Amino acid sequence: MLVDKGFVGPDKYESIILVGTKADMTEEDDITFFKDSIVPEFFKNNNGKGKFALTRKGKNNDKGDYSELVAALGQLPDFQVAHPKLRSARRRRPLRDAVAA
């Protein structure tokens, strides 16, 4: 609902990246579940397809692995996402409730 109420335009899902963090602290089955279940569910209003990335925390002084996220950021469209102005509390309520959920 946040995407539907917070972004406008026919290609709004092209501007979204779903990021799974701490991939280094999980099992391969969890990563598979994220890719095969969480991602399609998150992007269900876009035929189950969308950009996603996994990040991994670094060890000791290593900065970690954010290469998938950097690659996904490079695929974002070159335009600004327009956000409609919400004029009344009644119109803001669905967005507020979606964020709170």
C-alpha atoms as a PDB file:
ATOM      1  CA  MET A   1       0.000   0.000   0.000  1.00  0.00           C
ATOM      2  CA  LEU A   2       2.906   2.349   0.704  1.00  0.00           C
ATOM      3  CA  VAL A   3       4.021   2.064  -2.916  1.00  0.00           C
ATOM      4  CA  ASP A   4       0.499   2.501  -4.265  1.00  0.00           C
ATOM      5  CA  LYS A   5      -0.218   5.566  -2.119  1.00  0.00           C
ATOM      6  CA  GLY A   6       3.285   7.027  -1.942  1.00  0.00           C
ATOM      7  CA  PHE A   7       4.425   6.824  -5.567  1.00  0.00           C
ATOM      8  CA  VAL A   8       2.659   7.848  -8.755  1.00  0.00           C
ATOM      9  CA  GLY A   9       2.994   6.963 -12.406  1.00  0.00           C
ATOM     10  CA  PRO A  10       2.825   3.763 -14.402  1.00  0.00           C
ATOM     11  CA  ASP A  11       6.488   2.858 -13.802  1.00  0.00           C
ATOM     12  CA  LYS A  12       6.655   3.558 -10.063  1.00  0.00           C
ATOM     13  CA  TYR A  13       8.083   0.109  -9.297  1.00  0.00           C
ATOM     14  CA  GLU A  14      11.088   0.901 -11.483  1.00  0.00           C
ATOM     15  CA  SER A  15      12.165   3.351  -8.759  1.00  0.00           C
ATOM     16  CA  ILE A  16      12.067   0.850  -5.892  1.00  0.00           C
ATOM     17  CA  ILE A  17      14.753  -1.497  -4.610  1.00  0.00           C
ATOM     18  CA  LEU A  18      13.856  -4.075  -1.960  1.00  0.00           C
ATOM     19  CA  VAL A  19      16.987  -4.687   0.123  1.00  0.00           C
ATOM     20  CA  GLY A  20      17.622  -7.744   2.253  1.00  0.00           C
ATOM     21  CA  THR A  21      20.229  -6.936   4.874  1.00  0.00           C
ATOM     22  CA  LYS A  22      22.510  -9.208   6.879  1.00  0.00           C
ATOM     23  CA  ALA A  23      22.672 -11.875   4.178  1.00  0.00           C
ATOM     24  CA  ASP A  24      25.954 -12.964   5.736  1.00  0.00           C
ATOM     25  CA  MET A  25      24.160 -13.963   8.929  1.00  0.00           C
ATOM     26  CA  THR A  26      21.601 -16.307   7.407  1.00  0.00           C
ATOM     27  CA  GLU A  27      21.367 -19.706   5.744  1.00  0.00           C
ATOM     28  CA  GLU A  28      21.176 -20.246   1.997  1.00  0.00           C
ATOM     29  CA  ASP A  29      17.563 -21.460   2.414  1.00  0.00           C
ATOM     30  CA  ASP A  30      16.626 -18.058   3.876  1.00  0.00           C
ATOM     31  CA  ILE A  31      18.193 -16.275   0.910  1.00  0.00           C
ATOM     32  CA  THR A  32      16.284 -18.541  -1.460  1.00  0.00           C
ATOM     33  CA  PHE A  33      13.073 -17.812   0.466  1.00  0.00           C
ATOM     34  CA  PHE A  34      13.738 -14.061   0.201  1.00  0.00           C
ATOM     35  CA  LYS A  35      14.268 -14.279  -3.566  1.00  0.00           C
ATOM     36  CA  ASP A  36      11.468 -16.742  -4.311  1.00  0.00           C
ATOM     37  CA  SER A  37       8.797 -15.599  -1.844  1.00  0.00           C
ATOM     38  CA  ILE A  38       9.439 -12.201  -0.253  1.00  0.00           C
ATOM     39  CA  VAL A  39      10.452 -10.404  -3.452  1.00  0.00           C
ATOM     40  CA  PRO A  40       7.486 -11.635  -5.544  1.00  0.00           C
ATOM     41  CA  GLU A  41       5.079 -10.849  -2.684  1.00  0.00           C
ATOM     42  CA  PHE A  42       6.482  -7.330  -2.242  1.00  0.00           C
ATOM     43  CA  PHE A  43       6.191  -6.693  -5.979  1.00  0.00           C
ATOM     44  CA  LYS A  44       2.860  -8.507  -6.411  1.00  0.00           C
ATOM     45  CA  ASN A  45       1.256  -5.401  -7.924  1.00  0.00           C
ATOM     46  CA  ASN A  46       4.037  -5.380 -10.517  1.00  0.00           C
ATOM     47  CA  ASN A  47       3.577  -8.984 -11.665  1.00  0.00           C
ATOM     48  CA  GLY A  48       5.944 -10.143  -8.909  1.00  0.00           C
ATOM     49  CA  LYS A  49       8.930  -8.498 -10.533  1.00  0.00           C
ATOM     50  CA  GLY A  50      11.196  -5.761  -9.237  1.00  0.00           C
ATOM     51  CA  LYS A  51      14.693  -4.776  -8.266  1.00  0.00           C
ATOM     52  CA  PHE A  52      16.181  -6.294  -5.137  1.00  0.00           C
ATOM     53  CA  ALA A  53      19.579  -6.638  -3.541  1.00  0.00           C
ATOM     54  CA  LEU A  54      21.238  -8.424  -0.661  1.00  0.00           C
ATOM     55  CA  THR A  55      23.852  -6.798   1.531  1.00  0.00           C
ATOM     56  CA  ARG A  56      26.457  -8.427   3.729  1.00  0.00           C
ATOM     57  CA  LYS A  57      28.163  -6.957   6.754  1.00  0.00           C
ATOM     58  CA  GLY A  58      31.932  -6.796   6.712  1.00  0.00           C
ATOM     59  CA  LYS A  59      34.155  -8.501   9.232  1.00  0.00           C
ATOM     60  CA  ASN A  60      36.564  -6.534  11.419  1.00  0.00           C
ATOM     61  CA  ASN A  61      37.382  -3.372   9.468  1.00  0.00           C
ATOM     62  CA  ASP A  62      35.975  -4.621   6.153  1.00  0.00           C
ATOM     63  CA  LYS A  63      33.243  -2.322   4.814  1.00  0.00           C
ATOM     64  CA  GLY A  64      31.015  -5.224   3.749  1.00  0.00           C
ATOM     65  CA  ASP A  65      29.548  -6.237   0.434  1.00  0.00           C
ATOM     66  CA  TYR A  66      27.055  -3.801  -1.033  1.00  0.00           C
ATOM     67  CA  SER A  67      27.795  -4.641  -4.662  1.00  0.00           C
ATOM     68  CA  GLU A  68      24.263  -5.899  -5.408  1.00  0.00           C
ATOM     69  CA  LEU A  69      22.782  -2.699  -4.013  1.00  0.00           C
ATOM     70  CA  VAL A  70      25.220  -0.528  -5.974  1.00  0.00           C
ATOM     71  CA  ALA A  71      24.333  -2.445  -9.146  1.00  0.00           C
ATOM     72  CA  ALA A  72      20.588  -2.026  -8.458  1.00  0.00           C
ATOM     73  CA  LEU A  73      21.057   1.703  -7.815  1.00  0.00           C
ATOM     74  CA  GLY A  74      22.729   1.941 -11.218  1.00  0.00           C
ATOM     75  CA  GLN A  75      19.564   0.492 -12.790  1.00  0.00           C
ATOM     76  CA  LEU A  76      17.248   3.140 -11.382  1.00  0.00           C
ATOM     77  CA  PRO A  77      15.609   5.363 -13.979  1.00  0.00           C
ATOM     78  CA  ASP A  78      17.029   8.806 -14.520  1.00  0.00           C
ATOM     79  CA  PHE A  79      14.068  10.851 -13.318  1.00  0.00           C
ATOM     80  CA  GLN A  80      12.568  12.075 -10.082  1.00  0.00           C
ATOM     81  CA  VAL A  81       9.624  10.319  -8.539  1.00  0.00           C
ATOM     82  CA  ALA A  82       6.665  12.668  -8.115  1.00  0.00           C
ATOM     83  CA  HIS A  83       4.881  12.594  -4.786  1.00  0.00           C
ATOM     84  CA  PRO A  84       1.316  13.904  -4.689  1.00  0.00           C
ATOM     85  CA  LYS A  85       0.540  16.533  -2.074  1.00  0.00           C
ATOM     86  CA  LEU A  86      -1.850  15.193   0.537  1.00  0.00           C
ATOM     87  CA  ARG A  87      -4.194  18.013   1.510  1.00  0.00           C
ATOM     88  CA  SER A  88      -6.248  16.586   4.307  1.00  0.00           C
ATOM     89  CA  ALA A  89      -5.764  14.318   7.301  1.00  0.00           C
ATOM     90  CA  ARG A  90      -8.359  11.982   5.824  1.00  0.00           C
ATOM     91  CA  ARG A  91      -6.294  11.537   2.664  1.00  0.00           C
ATOM     92  CA  ARG A  92      -3.085  11.027   4.689  1.00  0.00           C
ATOM     93  CA  ARG A  93      -4.587   8.346   6.921  1.00  0.00           C
ATOM     94  CA  PRO A  94      -4.134   5.370   4.498  1.00  0.00           C
ATOM     95  CA  LEU A  95      -0.473   6.292   4.015  1.00  0.00           C
ATOM     96  CA  ARG A  96       0.077   6.746   7.760  1.00  0.00           C
ATOM     97  CA  ASP A  97      -1.622   3.402   8.493  1.00  0.00           C
ATOM     98  CA  ALA A  98       0.475   1.631   5.847  1.00  0.00           C
ATOM     99  CA  VAL A  99       3.687   2.953   7.356  1.00  0.00           C
ATOM    100  CA  ALA A 100       2.591   2.010  10.868  1.00  0.00           C
ATOM    101  CA  ALA A 101       1.712  -1.570   9.862  1.00  0.00           C
END
